Amino acid sequence: MKRWLISGVVTVVLILLAVVIWDRYGPRPSAPPLAPLAERIDRIEIDKSDRRLTVFRNGTAFRSYNIALGFSPEGDKTREGDGKTPEGRFVIDRRNPQSAFHLSLGINYPQPEDIERAAAEGVSPGGDIFIHGQPNGTASLLKLRGDWTAGCIALSNSEMEELWRVTANGTEVIIQP
């Protein structure tokens, strides 16, 4: 009888412990999907230190996304191959649905002052800076972790599709340190 009682108490304690652990560390239900953005945006702000891209319309923030940056993100881009994401004011100046990454929106880097600075140093300022999705050929749900681009701004493919739909050429892009 004593053995049954001890066994029953141990079983109840283990079940309660499992419930507490599951409640604390178990998977959380996914948040319901956000309603897709439907109207054009007029500004994109990128905060490099927070790894956040926020879209605006008429001064109101509508959505923010976690992003990946260049593999060496601290500081402003000064030369080709430095792995830095440029800082400053830019505009979306081209769209590439056939890029090596899932869709891409080009920003007009380098600016004239970037070209002059690089020329004075005898280096190339670099170029082809884009906001884009994940590399083509990766699983559609995969999102590479960490800063891995050569200087671009990367989102998940689904986020990039949403941004692609609401961003026109000429949209202002502000990249802050």
Protein backbone atom coordinates (compact mmCIF):
# COMPACT_ATOMS: atom_id res chain seq x y z
CA MET A 1 0.00 0.00 0.00
CA LYS A 2 2.79 2.41 0.93
CA ARG A 3 4.54 1.67 -2.40
CA TRP A 4 1.34 2.56 -4.34
CA LEU A 5 0.94 5.79 -2.41
CA ILE A 6 4.54 6.87 -3.04
CA SER A 7 4.26 5.88 -6.69
CA GLY A 8 1.03 7.87 -7.07
CA VAL A 9 2.48 10.97 -5.39
CA VAL A 10 5.62 10.80 -7.56
CA THR A 11 3.46 10.46 -10.69
CA VAL A 12 1.31 13.46 -9.75
CA VAL A 13 4.41 15.57 -8.97
CA LEU A 14 6.01 14.61 -12.30
CA ILE A 15 2.83 15.46 -14.20
CA LEU A 16 2.57 18.84 -12.46
CA LEU A 17 6.25 19.53 -13.16
CA ALA A 18 5.75 18.64 -16.83
CA VAL A 19 2.74 20.97 -17.06
CA VAL A 20 4.69 23.85 -15.48
CA ILE A 21 7.67 23.28 -17.79
CA TRP A 22 5.41 23.04 -20.87
CA ASP A 23 3.58 26.21 -19.86
CA ARG A 24 6.85 28.08 -19.36
CA TYR A 25 8.95 26.75 -22.25
CA GLY A 26 6.56 25.05 -24.66
CA PRO A 27 5.76 26.47 -28.10
CA ARG A 28 3.53 29.50 -28.22
CA PRO A 29 0.64 29.75 -30.64
CA SER A 30 1.48 31.87 -33.65
CA ALA A 31 0.18 35.35 -33.79
CA PRO A 32 -2.56 35.84 -36.35
CA PRO A 33 -1.15 37.15 -39.62
CA LEU A 34 -1.11 40.91 -40.03
CA ALA A 35 -3.44 42.32 -42.64
CA PRO A 36 -1.44 42.94 -45.81
CA LEU A 37 -0.44 46.49 -46.54
CA ALA A 38 -2.63 47.73 -49.36
CA GLU A 39 -1.69 51.36 -50.00
CA ARG A 40 1.57 52.78 -51.30
CA ILE A 41 4.09 53.95 -48.73
CA ASP A 42 6.13 57.14 -49.03
CA ARG A 43 9.09 56.47 -46.72
CA ILE A 44 11.22 53.60 -45.47
CA GLU A 45 13.36 54.09 -42.37
CA ILE A 46 16.09 51.63 -41.51
CA ASP A 47 17.64 51.64 -38.04
CA LYS A 48 20.86 49.67 -38.35
CA SER A 49 21.52 49.38 -34.61
CA ASP A 50 18.03 47.94 -33.94
CA ARG A 51 18.02 45.88 -37.18
CA ARG A 52 14.56 47.29 -38.01
CA LEU A 53 12.98 48.52 -41.23
CA THR A 54 9.82 50.61 -40.74
CA VAL A 55 7.46 51.76 -43.49
CA PHE A 56 5.56 55.06 -43.34
CA ARG A 57 2.70 56.76 -45.12
CA ASN A 58 1.97 60.45 -44.48
CA GLY A 59 4.24 60.44 -41.42
CA THR A 60 2.56 57.44 -39.79
CA ALA A 61 4.48 54.19 -39.19
CA PHE A 62 2.54 51.22 -40.54
CA ARG A 63 4.74 48.17 -40.20
CA SER A 64 8.20 47.19 -38.97
CA TYR A 65 10.33 44.25 -39.98
CA ASN A 66 13.44 42.61 -38.53
CA ILE A 67 16.29 42.81 -41.02
CA ALA A 68 19.78 41.55 -41.74
CA LEU A 69 22.53 43.93 -42.86
CA GLY A 70 26.00 43.74 -44.35
CA PHE A 71 28.39 41.31 -42.66
CA SER A 72 30.28 44.23 -41.04
CA PRO A 73 27.45 46.66 -40.28
CA GLU A 74 29.09 49.16 -37.90
CA GLY A 75 29.70 52.52 -39.58
CA ASP A 76 28.93 53.96 -43.00
CA LYS A 77 29.89 52.25 -46.25
CA THR A 78 33.13 53.71 -47.59
CA ARG A 79 34.33 51.22 -50.18
CA GLU A 80 33.36 48.21 -52.19
CA GLY A 81 33.72 44.97 -50.25
CA ASP A 82 33.71 46.51 -46.75
CA GLY A 83 30.50 44.64 -45.80
CA LYS A 84 28.86 47.82 -44.53
CA THR A 85 25.35 49.05 -45.23
CA PRO A 86 25.42 52.73 -46.28
CA GLU A 87 23.91 55.45 -44.10
CA GLY A 88 22.04 58.55 -45.23
CA ARG A 89 19.09 59.60 -47.40
CA PHE A 90 18.35 57.68 -50.54
CA VAL A 91 15.47 56.80 -52.84
CA ILE A 92 14.29 53.57 -54.41
CA ASP A 93 15.53 53.94 -57.99
CA ARG A 94 14.98 50.48 -59.51
CA ARG A 95 13.11 47.21 -59.05
CA ASN A 96 14.45 43.80 -59.99
CA PRO A 97 12.01 40.88 -59.96
CA GLN A 98 14.72 38.59 -61.42
CA SER A 99 17.51 39.22 -58.90
CA ALA A 100 19.63 36.52 -57.25
CA PHE A 101 17.55 37.19 -54.14
CA HIS A 102 13.78 37.05 -53.76
CA LEU A 103 12.81 40.38 -55.36
CA SER A 104 14.91 43.50 -54.84
CA LEU A 105 14.42 47.24 -54.54
CA GLY A 106 17.53 49.23 -55.43
CA ILE A 107 18.61 52.35 -53.57
CA ASN A 108 20.55 55.13 -55.27
CA TYR A 109 23.89 54.48 -53.60
CA PRO A 110 26.55 55.70 -54.19
CA GLN A 111 25.69 59.38 -53.93
CA PRO A 112 28.01 62.00 -55.52
CA GLU A 113 29.74 62.63 -52.16
CA ASP A 114 30.39 58.86 -51.77
CA ILE A 115 31.96 58.76 -55.22
CA GLU A 116 34.16 61.79 -54.47
CA ARG A 117 35.31 60.39 -51.11
CA ALA A 118 36.16 57.01 -52.61
CA ALA A 119 37.99 58.62 -55.54
CA ALA A 120 40.08 60.68 -53.11
CA GLU A 121 41.02 57.44 -51.33
CA GLY A 122 41.68 55.63 -54.63
CA VAL A 123 38.98 52.99 -54.04
CA SER A 124 35.60 52.06 -55.49
CA PRO A 125 32.62 53.21 -53.39
CA GLY A 126 30.74 50.01 -54.23
CA GLY A 127 27.17 49.94 -55.40
CA ASP A 128 24.22 47.68 -56.08
CA ILE A 129 22.74 48.21 -52.63
CA PHE A 130 19.28 46.65 -52.44
CA ILE A 131 16.50 45.82 -50.06
CA HIS A 132 15.81 42.18 -50.88
CA GLY A 133 14.53 38.81 -49.70
CA GLN A 134 16.46 35.62 -49.08
CA PRO A 135 18.79 34.00 -51.63
CA ASN A 136 16.93 32.24 -54.42
CA GLY A 137 17.04 28.49 -54.07
CA THR A 138 16.65 28.50 -50.29
CA ALA A 139 13.49 27.14 -48.75
CA SER A 140 10.69 29.71 -48.94
CA LEU A 141 10.26 29.75 -45.15
CA LEU A 142 13.99 29.99 -44.42
CA LYS A 143 15.35 33.26 -43.09
CA LEU A 144 19.12 33.42 -42.72
CA ARG A 145 20.17 34.60 -39.27
CA GLY A 146 22.63 37.34 -38.42
CA ASP A 147 24.14 39.92 -40.73
CA TRP A 148 25.12 38.15 -43.93
CA THR A 149 24.69 40.46 -46.93
CA ALA A 150 27.48 42.32 -48.73
CA GLY A 151 25.88 45.63 -47.65
CA CYS A 152 22.23 45.19 -48.57
CA ILE A 153 19.17 45.03 -46.33
CA ALA A 154 17.49 41.60 -46.20
CA LEU A 155 14.02 40.53 -45.08
CA SER A 156 12.11 37.26 -45.20
CA ASN A 157 10.59 36.46 -48.60
CA SER A 158 7.02 37.06 -47.44
CA GLU A 159 7.99 40.41 -45.94
CA MET A 160 9.79 41.34 -49.15
CA GLU A 161 6.71 40.48 -51.20
CA GLU A 162 4.63 42.80 -49.05
CA LEU A 163 7.19 45.60 -49.28
CA TRP A 164 7.48 45.08 -53.05
CA ARG A 165 3.71 45.59 -53.51
CA VAL A 166 3.57 48.94 -51.69
CA THR A 167 6.89 50.56 -52.68
CA ALA A 168 7.23 52.64 -55.81
CA ASN A 169 10.34 54.03 -57.45
CA GLY A 170 11.07 57.39 -55.83
CA THR A 171 10.15 56.21 -52.30
CA GLU A 172 12.43 57.89 -49.76
CA VAL A 173 14.79 55.61 -47.80
CA ILE A 174 16.54 56.84 -44.65
CA ILE A 175 19.26 54.60 -43.22
CA GLN A 176 20.36 55.56 -39.71
CA PRO A 177 23.35 54.18 -37.76
